[in-house]
Amino acid sequence: MRIVDVGANPIEAPPYDALVRQGLAQVWGFEPHPEAAARLRDAAPEGVIVLERAVGTPGQAVFNAYPASEMSSLFKLSEKSIGYLGHFRRHLGTETEMPVTLSSLDQIDEVPAIDFLKIDAQGAEVDVIGGAAAKLAQAVAVVAEMRFYRLYDGEPAMGDLDAALRGQGFVLHRFIAPKSRMLGNSQAVRLNRRAVGSQLIDGDAVYIRNLEDRDAVSDAQLAHLALLADAVFGSHDLVLWCLDELAARGVLPAKVAAKYVDKLPDGLKAERTVA
């Protein structure tokens, strides 16, 4: 499977790590922040290619490199937004402006046709998708960080990201670990921030290839989607949908779906009743 990760900052193990370590995927990871890219290279297992390049609308731009590299972006943090939220203040004014040359994924010859795209580009997700129409033509899934409340001045809204993905044949499947924060208030020291925090900030949105026209989806696409649904975004019902379709086509034995359920944790199975 061919995976592209735009904004592959090494904060934690990527969700596709198990696929790479089992030899089921090759990854092209993009990280324009020099220090973050160096850490990625040092930790990269076999099958992961790290490219220190910026992806977006082709041309010249300014990359704002923050000491907290996960905050780095083509956009600057918004003083108004942060003033309202009461969070992320320590990052304001800490950026170093770096001139960069942006390339679209469709322009980068090293990158093949994509099966799965992961994007965490701090506001540049819409530009990345817009410049990857050819490379994404056969992709089965995209996981993109979606902003629910603006953090950066000028970054696209969540509706813009949704429209860009739907325009290329993807539909929203699920959200993974949406993050919320407690708004600043006079009683903050008396409150459990995790329990009280109500303002949604961002989270990963999983989009999959529209499956309504089954004949338009190949056997290989179904197989890739089943692997991703199991190993990356934990959609076991989607795995079974793909396995059932492959069995209906004669690609897999009909018993494979049942064997998959046999191996699921007990908490995911229906309780059996005794007559």
C-alpha atoms as a PDB file:
ATOM      1  CA  MET A   1       0.000   0.000   0.000  1.00  0.00           C
ATOM      2  CA  ARG A   2       1.275   3.474  -0.879  1.00  0.00           C
ATOM      3  CA  ILE A   3       0.827   6.020   1.901  1.00  0.00           C
ATOM      4  CA  VAL A   4       1.633   9.732   1.826  1.00  0.00           C
ATOM      5  CA  ASP A   5       1.864  11.645   5.110  1.00  0.00           C
ATOM      6  CA  VAL A   6       1.932  15.445   4.774  1.00  0.00           C
ATOM      7  CA  GLY A   7       3.043  17.029   8.033  1.00  0.00           C
ATOM      8  CA  ALA A   8       4.598  13.860   9.408  1.00  0.00           C
ATOM      9  CA  ASN A   9       5.784  15.503  12.614  1.00  0.00           C
ATOM     10  CA  PRO A  10       7.316  12.917  14.980  1.00  0.00           C
ATOM     11  CA  ILE A  11       5.238  13.650  18.099  1.00  0.00           C
ATOM     12  CA  GLU A  12       3.969  10.092  18.344  1.00  0.00           C
ATOM     13  CA  ALA A  13       3.921   6.888  16.322  1.00  0.00           C
ATOM     14  CA  PRO A  14       1.800   7.357  13.185  1.00  0.00           C
ATOM     15  CA  PRO A  15      -1.481   5.427  12.972  1.00  0.00           C
ATOM     16  CA  TYR A  16      -0.187   3.371  10.038  1.00  0.00           C
ATOM     17  CA  ASP A  17       2.935   2.248  11.914  1.00  0.00           C
ATOM     18  CA  ALA A  18       1.789  -1.376  12.237  1.00  0.00           C
ATOM     19  CA  LEU A  19       1.229  -1.654   8.475  1.00  0.00           C
ATOM     20  CA  VAL A  20       4.738  -0.356   7.774  1.00  0.00           C
ATOM     21  CA  ARG A  21       6.430  -2.633  10.303  1.00  0.00           C
ATOM     22  CA  GLN A  22       4.626  -5.671   8.862  1.00  0.00           C
ATOM     23  CA  GLY A  23       5.836  -4.787   5.363  1.00  0.00           C
ATOM     24  CA  LEU A  24       2.342  -3.976   4.093  1.00  0.00           C
ATOM     25  CA  ALA A  25       2.946  -0.326   3.226  1.00  0.00           C
ATOM     26  CA  GLN A  26       5.502   2.155   1.959  1.00  0.00           C
ATOM     27  CA  VAL A  27       5.347   5.742   3.170  1.00  0.00           C
ATOM     28  CA  TRP A  28       6.415   9.075   1.727  1.00  0.00           C
ATOM     29  CA  GLY A  29       6.472  11.530   4.635  1.00  0.00           C
ATOM     30  CA  PHE A  30       6.661  15.313   4.144  1.00  0.00           C
ATOM     31  CA  GLU A  31       7.907  17.611   6.912  1.00  0.00           C
ATOM     32  CA  PRO A  32       9.262  21.102   6.076  1.00  0.00           C
ATOM     33  CA  HIS A  33      10.440  21.870   9.632  1.00  0.00           C
ATOM     34  CA  PRO A  34      14.193  21.014   9.493  1.00  0.00           C
ATOM     35  CA  GLU A  35      14.551  19.717  13.059  1.00  0.00           C
ATOM     36  CA  ALA A  36      11.356  17.673  12.882  1.00  0.00           C
ATOM     37  CA  ALA A  37      12.420  16.218   9.525  1.00  0.00           C
ATOM     38  CA  ALA A  38      15.791  15.222  10.976  1.00  0.00           C
ATOM     39  CA  ARG A  39      14.109  13.423  13.887  1.00  0.00           C
ATOM     40  CA  LEU A  40      11.817  11.642  11.450  1.00  0.00           C
ATOM     41  CA  ARG A  41      14.760  10.403   9.394  1.00  0.00           C
ATOM     42  CA  ASP A  42      16.571   9.147  12.477  1.00  0.00           C
ATOM     43  CA  ALA A  43      13.537   7.142  13.604  1.00  0.00           C
ATOM     44  CA  ALA A  44      12.229   6.045  10.209  1.00  0.00           C
ATOM     45  CA  PRO A  45      11.901   2.266   9.783  1.00  0.00           C
ATOM     46  CA  GLU A  46      12.498   0.524   6.476  1.00  0.00           C
ATOM     47  CA  GLY A  47       9.818   1.526   3.998  1.00  0.00           C
ATOM     48  CA  VAL A  48       9.560   5.177   5.081  1.00  0.00           C
ATOM     49  CA  ILE A  49      11.005   7.935   2.896  1.00  0.00           C
ATOM     50  CA  VAL A  50      11.234  11.383   4.543  1.00  0.00           C
ATOM     51  CA  LEU A  51      11.143  14.438   2.281  1.00  0.00           C
ATOM     52  CA  GLU A  52      11.999  17.848   3.760  1.00  0.00           C
ATOM     53  CA  ARG A  53       9.671  19.716   1.443  1.00  0.00           C
ATOM     54  CA  ALA A  54       6.613  21.919   1.826  1.00  0.00           C
ATOM     55  CA  VAL A  55       3.403  20.842   0.105  1.00  0.00           C
ATOM     56  CA  GLY A  56       0.659  23.220  -0.945  1.00  0.00           C
ATOM     57  CA  THR A  57      -0.351  25.564  -3.741  1.00  0.00           C
ATOM     58  CA  PRO A  58       2.752  25.797  -5.971  1.00  0.00           C
ATOM     59  CA  GLY A  59       4.851  28.926  -5.546  1.00  0.00           C
ATOM     60  CA  GLN A  60       6.775  30.893  -2.944  1.00  0.00           C
ATOM     61  CA  ALA A  61       5.493  31.221   0.599  1.00  0.00           C
ATOM     62  CA  VAL A  62       6.569  31.901   4.163  1.00  0.00           C
ATOM     63  CA  PHE A  63       6.662  28.992   6.593  1.00  0.00           C
ATOM     64  CA  ASN A  64       6.230  29.969  10.235  1.00  0.00           C
ATOM     65  CA  ALA A  65       8.444  27.592  12.210  1.00  0.00           C
ATOM     66  CA  TYR A  66       7.456  27.587  15.878  1.00  0.00           C
ATOM     67  CA  PRO A  67       9.774  26.133  18.567  1.00  0.00           C
ATOM     68  CA  ALA A  68       6.927  23.719  19.284  1.00  0.00           C
ATOM     69  CA  SER A  69       7.255  22.202  15.817  1.00  0.00           C
ATOM     70  CA  GLU A  70       3.741  20.716  15.836  1.00  0.00           C
ATOM     71  CA  MET A  71       2.390  24.306  15.718  1.00  0.00           C
ATOM     72  CA  SER A  72       4.424  25.276  12.621  1.00  0.00           C
ATOM     73  CA  SER A  73       2.312  26.439   9.712  1.00  0.00           C
ATOM     74  CA  LEU A  74       2.058  28.547   6.583  1.00  0.00           C
ATOM     75  CA  PHE A  75      -0.300  30.650   8.719  1.00  0.00           C
ATOM     76  CA  LYS A  76       0.381  32.665  11.873  1.00  0.00           C
ATOM     77  CA  LEU A  77      -1.409  31.913  15.102  1.00  0.00           C
ATOM     78  CA  SER A  78      -4.378  34.205  15.618  1.00  0.00           C
ATOM     79  CA  GLU A  79      -4.083  36.558  18.587  1.00  0.00           C
ATOM     80  CA  LYS A  80      -7.865  37.081  18.623  1.00  0.00           C
ATOM     81  CA  SER A  81      -8.657  33.374  18.644  1.00  0.00           C
ATOM     82  CA  ILE A  82      -6.091  32.582  21.303  1.00  0.00           C
ATOM     83  CA  GLY A  83      -7.225  35.557  23.368  1.00  0.00           C
ATOM     84  CA  TYR A  84     -10.734  34.103  23.406  1.00  0.00           C
ATOM     85  CA  LEU A  85      -9.754  30.491  23.992  1.00  0.00           C
ATOM     86  CA  GLY A  86      -7.214  31.238  26.694  1.00  0.00           C
ATOM     87  CA  HIS A  87      -4.841  28.564  25.383  1.00  0.00           C
ATOM     88  CA  PHE A  88      -1.673  28.434  23.245  1.00  0.00           C
ATOM     89  CA  ARG A  89      -0.549  31.913  24.395  1.00  0.00           C
ATOM     90  CA  ARG A  90       2.994  30.708  24.976  1.00  0.00           C
ATOM     91  CA  HIS A  91       3.392  30.146  21.228  1.00  0.00           C
ATOM     92  CA  LEU A  92       2.437  33.670  20.130  1.00  0.00           C
ATOM     93  CA  GLY A  93       5.341  35.589  18.628  1.00  0.00           C
ATOM     94  CA  THR A  94       7.781  32.681  18.863  1.00  0.00           C
ATOM     95  CA  GLU A  95       7.785  31.811  15.169  1.00  0.00           C
ATOM     96  CA  THR A  96      10.755  32.075  12.811  1.00  0.00           C
ATOM     97  CA  GLU A  97       9.775  33.024   9.270  1.00  0.00           C
ATOM     98  CA  MET A  98      11.327  30.759   6.665  1.00  0.00           C
ATOM     99  CA  PRO A  99      10.937  31.256   2.907  1.00  0.00           C
ATOM    100  CA  VAL A 100       9.810  28.021   1.240  1.00  0.00           C
ATOM    101  CA  THR A 101       8.932  26.831  -2.213  1.00  0.00           C
ATOM    102  CA  LEU A 102       5.640  24.977  -2.228  1.00  0.00           C
ATOM    103  CA  SER A 103       4.973  22.060  -4.549  1.00  0.00           C
ATOM    104  CA  SER A 104       1.745  20.202  -5.139  1.00  0.00           C
ATOM    105  CA  LEU A 105       1.736  16.430  -4.701  1.00  0.00           C
ATOM    106  CA  ASP A 106       0.821  16.076  -8.357  1.00  0.00           C
ATOM    107  CA  GLN A 107       4.095  17.867  -9.242  1.00  0.00           C
ATOM    108  CA  ILE A 108       6.359  15.615  -7.171  1.00  0.00           C
ATOM    109  CA  ASP A 109       7.643  12.756  -9.309  1.00  0.00           C
ATOM    110  CA  GLU A 110       8.984  10.759  -6.343  1.00  0.00           C
ATOM    111  CA  VAL A 111       5.422  10.230  -5.123  1.00  0.00           C
ATOM    112  CA  PRO A 112       3.428   7.500  -6.895  1.00  0.00           C
ATOM    113  CA  ALA A 113      -0.336   7.167  -7.094  1.00  0.00           C
ATOM    114  CA  ILE A 114      -1.636   7.293  -3.506  1.00  0.00           C
ATOM    115  CA  ASP A 115      -3.734   4.658  -1.735  1.00  0.00           C
ATOM    116  CA  PHE A 116      -4.009   6.516   1.581  1.00  0.00           C
ATOM    117  CA  LEU A 117      -3.291  10.164   2.401  1.00  0.00           C
ATOM    118  CA  LYS A 118      -2.791  11.492   5.918  1.00  0.00           C
ATOM    119  CA  ILE A 119      -2.573  15.267   6.368  1.00  0.00           C
ATOM    120  CA  ASP A 120      -1.740  17.360   9.418  1.00  0.00           C
ATOM    121  CA  ALA A 121      -0.624  20.605   7.833  1.00  0.00           C
ATOM    122  CA  GLN A 122      -1.949  23.160  10.333  1.00  0.00           C
ATOM    123  CA  GLY A 123      -4.362  24.894   7.987  1.00  0.00           C
ATOM    124  CA  ALA A 124      -2.908  23.914   4.596  1.00  0.00           C
ATOM    125  CA  GLU A 125      -5.015  20.751   4.208  1.00  0.00           C
ATOM    126  CA  VAL A 126      -7.324  22.222   1.557  1.00  0.00           C
ATOM    127  CA  ASP A 127      -4.377  23.342  -0.597  1.00  0.00           C
ATOM    128  CA  VAL A 128      -2.735  19.906  -0.293  1.00  0.00           C
ATOM    129  CA  ILE A 129      -5.903  18.140  -1.428  1.00  0.00           C
ATOM    130  CA  GLY A 130      -6.509  20.601  -4.235  1.00  0.00           C
ATOM    131  CA  GLY A 131      -3.060  19.886  -5.648  1.00  0.00           C
ATOM    132  CA  ALA A 132      -3.363  16.114  -5.505  1.00  0.00           C
ATOM    133  CA  ALA A 133      -6.352  15.313  -7.734  1.00  0.00           C
ATOM    134  CA  ALA A 134      -4.329  13.065 -10.049  1.00  0.00           C
ATOM    135  CA  LYS A 135      -2.413  11.263  -7.301  1.00  0.00           C
ATOM    136  CA  LEU A 136      -5.634  10.707  -5.299  1.00  0.00           C
ATOM    137  CA  ALA A 137      -7.699   9.421  -8.226  1.00  0.00           C
ATOM    138  CA  GLN A 138      -7.595   5.825  -6.932  1.00  0.00           C
ATOM    139  CA  ALA A 139      -7.064   6.509  -3.215  1.00  0.00           C
ATOM    140  CA  VAL A 140      -9.442   4.791  -0.808  1.00  0.00           C
ATOM    141  CA  ALA A 141      -9.087   6.987   2.267  1.00  0.00           C
ATOM    142  CA  VAL A 142      -7.883  10.350   3.541  1.00  0.00           C
ATOM    143  CA  VAL A 143      -7.354  11.219   7.188  1.00  0.00           C
ATOM    144  CA  ALA A 144      -7.054  14.983   7.586  1.00  0.00           C
ATOM    145  CA  GLU A 145      -6.850  17.174  10.644  1.00  0.00           C
ATOM    146  CA  MET A 146     -10.042  19.237  10.623  1.00  0.00           C
ATOM    147  CA  ARG A 147     -10.185  22.530  12.500  1.00  0.00           C
ATOM    148  CA  PHE A 148     -13.429  23.137  14.368  1.00  0.00           C
ATOM    149  CA  TYR A 149     -12.329  26.477  15.814  1.00  0.00           C
ATOM    150  CA  ARG A 150      -9.828  28.710  14.062  1.00  0.00           C
ATOM    151  CA  LEU A 151      -6.320  28.838  15.528  1.00  0.00           C
ATOM    152  CA  TYR A 152      -4.510  30.563  12.655  1.00  0.00           C
ATOM    153  CA  ASP A 153      -5.328  33.763  10.786  1.00  0.00           C
ATOM    154  CA  GLY A 154      -6.567  32.980   7.278  1.00  0.00           C
ATOM    155  CA  GLU A 155      -6.792  29.197   7.589  1.00  0.00           C
ATOM    156  CA  PRO A 156      -9.689  27.515   5.728  1.00  0.00           C
ATOM    157  CA  ALA A 157     -12.840  26.552   7.621  1.00  0.00           C
ATOM    158  CA  MET A 158     -13.963  22.962   8.161  1.00  0.00           C
ATOM    159  CA  GLY A 159     -16.595  23.365   5.439  1.00  0.00           C
ATOM    160  CA  ASP A 160     -13.875  24.161   2.906  1.00  0.00           C
ATOM    161  CA  LEU A 161     -12.033  20.952   3.753  1.00  0.00           C
ATOM    162  CA  ASP A 162     -15.227  18.918   3.502  1.00  0.00           C
ATOM    163  CA  ALA A 163     -16.042  20.433   0.100  1.00  0.00           C
ATOM    164  CA  ALA A 164     -12.524  19.755  -1.227  1.00  0.00           C
ATOM    165  CA  LEU A 165     -12.694  16.069  -0.281  1.00  0.00           C
ATOM    166  CA  ARG A 166     -16.251  15.516  -1.485  1.00  0.00           C
ATOM    167  CA  GLY A 167     -15.281  17.147  -4.766  1.00  0.00           C
ATOM    168  CA  GLN A 168     -12.767  14.328  -5.290  1.00  0.00           C
ATOM    169  CA  GLY A 169     -15.183  11.511  -4.517  1.00  0.00           C
ATOM    170  CA  PHE A 170     -14.693  11.030  -0.777  1.00  0.00           C
ATOM    171  CA  VAL A 171     -17.358  10.994   1.933  1.00  0.00           C
ATOM    172  CA  LEU A 172     -17.047  11.630   5.661  1.00  0.00           C
ATOM    173  CA  HIS A 173     -16.800   8.351   7.554  1.00  0.00           C
ATOM    174  CA  ARG A 174     -15.914   9.227  11.151  1.00  0.00           C
ATOM    175  CA  PHE A 175     -14.010  11.496  13.528  1.00  0.00           C
ATOM    176  CA  ILE A 176     -11.057  10.275  15.583  1.00  0.00           C
ATOM    177  CA  ALA A 177     -10.221  11.781  18.981  1.00  0.00           C
ATOM    178  CA  PRO A 178     -11.714  15.261  18.584  1.00  0.00           C
ATOM    179  CA  LYS A 179      -9.961  17.663  20.960  1.00  0.00           C
ATOM    180  CA  SER A 180     -11.695  20.247  23.110  1.00  0.00           C
ATOM    181  CA  ARG A 181     -10.413  22.815  25.607  1.00  0.00           C
ATOM    182  CA  MET A 182     -11.862  24.591  28.604  1.00  0.00           C
ATOM    183  CA  LEU A 183     -12.409  28.269  27.899  1.00  0.00           C
ATOM    184  CA  GLY A 184     -10.493  30.652  30.129  1.00  0.00           C
ATOM    185  CA  ASN A 185     -12.539  31.774  33.130  1.00  0.00           C
ATOM    186  CA  SER A 186     -12.197  33.141  36.660  1.00  0.00           C
ATOM    187  CA  GLN A 187     -12.810  29.731  38.278  1.00  0.00           C
ATOM    188  CA  ALA A 188     -10.360  27.732  36.133  1.00  0.00           C
ATOM    189  CA  VAL A 189      -8.179  26.621  39.068  1.00  0.00           C
ATOM    190  CA  ARG A 190     -11.211  24.990  40.713  1.00  0.00           C
ATOM    191  CA  LEU A 191     -12.241  22.935  37.703  1.00  0.00           C
ATOM    192  CA  ASN A 192     -11.192  19.676  36.109  1.00  0.00           C
ATOM    193  CA  ARG A 193     -10.079  21.003  32.731  1.00  0.00           C
ATOM    194  CA  ARG A 194     -10.599  17.715  30.924  1.00  0.00           C
ATOM    195  CA  ALA A 195     -14.094  17.219  32.298  1.00  0.00           C
ATOM    196  CA  VAL A 196     -15.283  20.794  31.819  1.00  0.00           C
ATOM    197  CA  GLY A 197     -13.574  21.644  28.519  1.00  0.00           C
ATOM    198  CA  SER A 198     -16.332  22.082  25.945  1.00  0.00           C
ATOM    199  CA  GLN A 199     -14.901  24.149  23.093  1.00  0.00           C
ATOM    200  CA  LEU A 200     -14.033  21.875  20.168  1.00  0.00           C
ATOM    201  CA  ILE A 201     -10.669  22.742  18.616  1.00  0.00           C
ATOM    202  CA  ASP A 202      -9.731  20.071  16.082  1.00  0.00           C
ATOM    203  CA  GLY A 203      -9.543  16.366  15.386  1.00  0.00           C
ATOM    204  CA  ASP A 204      -8.852  13.872  12.641  1.00  0.00           C
ATOM    205  CA  ALA A 205     -11.620  13.427  10.079  1.00  0.00           C
ATOM    206  CA  VAL A 206     -11.671  10.122   8.200  1.00  0.00           C
ATOM    207  CA  TYR A 207     -12.930  10.299   4.623  1.00  0.00           C
ATOM    208  CA  ILE A 208     -13.332   7.191   2.490  1.00  0.00           C
ATOM    209  CA  ARG A 209     -13.968   6.604  -1.194  1.00  0.00           C
ATOM    210  CA  ASN A 210     -17.697   6.703  -1.909  1.00  0.00           C
ATOM    211  CA  LEU A 211     -18.747   3.043  -2.009  1.00  0.00           C
ATOM    212  CA  GLU A 212     -22.307   3.452  -3.274  1.00  0.00           C
ATOM    213  CA  ASP A 213     -21.254   2.443  -6.792  1.00  0.00           C
ATOM    214  CA  ARG A 214     -19.644  -0.882  -5.938  1.00  0.00           C
ATOM    215  CA  ASP A 215     -18.658  -1.630  -9.517  1.00  0.00           C
ATOM    216  CA  ALA A 216     -16.445   1.470  -9.523  1.00  0.00           C
ATOM    217  CA  VAL A 217     -14.290   0.098  -6.687  1.00  0.00           C
ATOM    218  CA  SER A 218     -11.634  -2.496  -7.529  1.00  0.00           C
ATOM    219  CA  ASP A 219     -10.733  -5.606  -5.545  1.00  0.00           C
ATOM    220  CA  ALA A 220      -7.403  -4.050  -4.606  1.00  0.00           C
ATOM    221  CA  GLN A 221      -9.112  -0.885  -3.357  1.00  0.00           C
ATOM    222  CA  LEU A 222     -11.424  -2.938  -1.157  1.00  0.00           C
ATOM    223  CA  ALA A 223      -8.477  -4.883   0.244  1.00  0.00           C
ATOM    224  CA  HIS A 224      -6.556  -1.696   1.018  1.00  0.00           C
ATOM    225  CA  LEU A 225      -9.598  -0.101   2.618  1.00  0.00           C
ATOM    226  CA  ALA A 226     -10.171  -3.178   4.793  1.00  0.00           C
ATOM    227  CA  LEU A 227      -6.567  -3.035   6.044  1.00  0.00           C
ATOM    228  CA  LEU A 228      -6.802   0.684   6.772  1.00  0.00           C
ATOM    229  CA  ALA A 229     -10.182   0.375   8.470  1.00  0.00           C
ATOM    230  CA  ASP A 230      -8.792  -2.282  10.800  1.00  0.00           C
ATOM    231  CA  ALA A 231      -5.273  -1.015  11.492  1.00  0.00           C
ATOM    232  CA  VAL A 232      -5.573   2.773  11.178  1.00  0.00           C
ATOM    233  CA  PHE A 233      -9.043   4.008  12.088  1.00  0.00           C
ATOM    234  CA  GLY A 234     -10.680   1.100  13.854  1.00  0.00           C
ATOM    235  CA  SER A 235     -13.843   0.812  11.742  1.00  0.00           C
ATOM    236  CA  HIS A 236     -14.571  -2.892  12.117  1.00  0.00           C
ATOM    237  CA  ASP A 237     -17.971  -2.673  10.428  1.00  0.00           C
ATOM    238  CA  LEU A 238     -16.262  -1.159   7.378  1.00  0.00           C
ATOM    239  CA  VAL A 239     -13.751  -4.016   7.390  1.00  0.00           C
ATOM    240  CA  LEU A 240     -16.624  -6.486   7.304  1.00  0.00           C
ATOM    241  CA  TRP A 241     -18.398  -4.555   4.533  1.00  0.00           C
ATOM    242  CA  CYS A 242     -15.238  -4.864   2.414  1.00  0.00           C
ATOM    243  CA  LEU A 243     -14.764  -8.549   3.258  1.00  0.00           C
ATOM    244  CA  ASP A 244     -18.396  -9.309   2.393  1.00  0.00           C
ATOM    245  CA  GLU A 245     -18.047  -7.535  -0.949  1.00  0.00           C
ATOM    246  CA  LEU A 246     -14.818  -9.388  -1.754  1.00  0.00           C
ATOM    247  CA  ALA A 247     -16.516 -12.677  -0.849  1.00  0.00           C
ATOM    248  CA  ALA A 248     -19.480 -11.807  -3.096  1.00  0.00           C
ATOM    249  CA  ARG A 249     -17.000 -11.318  -5.934  1.00  0.00           C
ATOM    250  CA  GLY A 250     -15.399 -14.704  -5.273  1.00  0.00           C
ATOM    251  CA  VAL A 251     -12.092 -13.129  -4.236  1.00  0.00           C
ATOM    252  CA  LEU A 252     -12.279 -14.391  -0.649  1.00  0.00           C
ATOM    253  CA  PRO A 253     -13.970 -17.395   0.981  1.00  0.00           C
ATOM    254  CA  ALA A 254     -17.291 -16.456   2.589  1.00  0.00           C
ATOM    255  CA  LYS A 255     -16.010 -17.626   5.996  1.00  0.00           C
ATOM    256  CA  VAL A 256     -13.338 -14.902   6.211  1.00  0.00           C
ATOM    257  CA  ALA A 257     -15.777 -12.340   7.672  1.00  0.00           C
ATOM    258  CA  ALA A 258     -16.781 -14.735  10.451  1.00  0.00           C
ATOM    259  CA  LYS A 259     -13.146 -15.525  11.199  1.00  0.00           C
ATOM    260  CA  TYR A 260     -12.431 -11.797  11.477  1.00  0.00           C
ATOM    261  CA  VAL A 261     -15.183 -11.393  14.069  1.00  0.00           C
ATOM    262  CA  ASP A 262     -13.815 -14.421  15.953  1.00  0.00           C
ATOM    263  CA  LYS A 263     -10.575 -12.488  16.512  1.00  0.00           C
ATOM    264  CA  LEU A 264     -12.165  -9.244  17.689  1.00  0.00           C
ATOM    265  CA  PRO A 265     -12.014  -8.357  21.404  1.00  0.00           C
ATOM    266  CA  ASP A 266     -14.976  -9.652  23.400  1.00  0.00           C
ATOM    267  CA  GLY A 267     -16.141  -6.123  24.135  1.00  0.00           C
ATOM    268  CA  LEU A 268     -16.931  -5.625  20.437  1.00  0.00           C
ATOM    269  CA  LYS A 269     -19.113  -8.716  20.149  1.00  0.00           C
ATOM    270  CA  ALA A 270     -22.774  -9.123  20.989  1.00  0.00           C
ATOM    271  CA  GLU A 271     -23.521 -10.875  24.268  1.00  0.00           C
ATOM    272  CA  ARG A 272     -24.844 -14.375  23.750  1.00  0.00           C
ATOM    273  CA  THR A 273     -28.091 -15.286  25.484  1.00  0.00           C
ATOM    274  CA  VAL A 274     -28.765 -18.739  26.848  1.00  0.00           C
ATOM    275  CA  ALA A 275     -32.265 -20.129  26.122  1.00  0.00           C
END
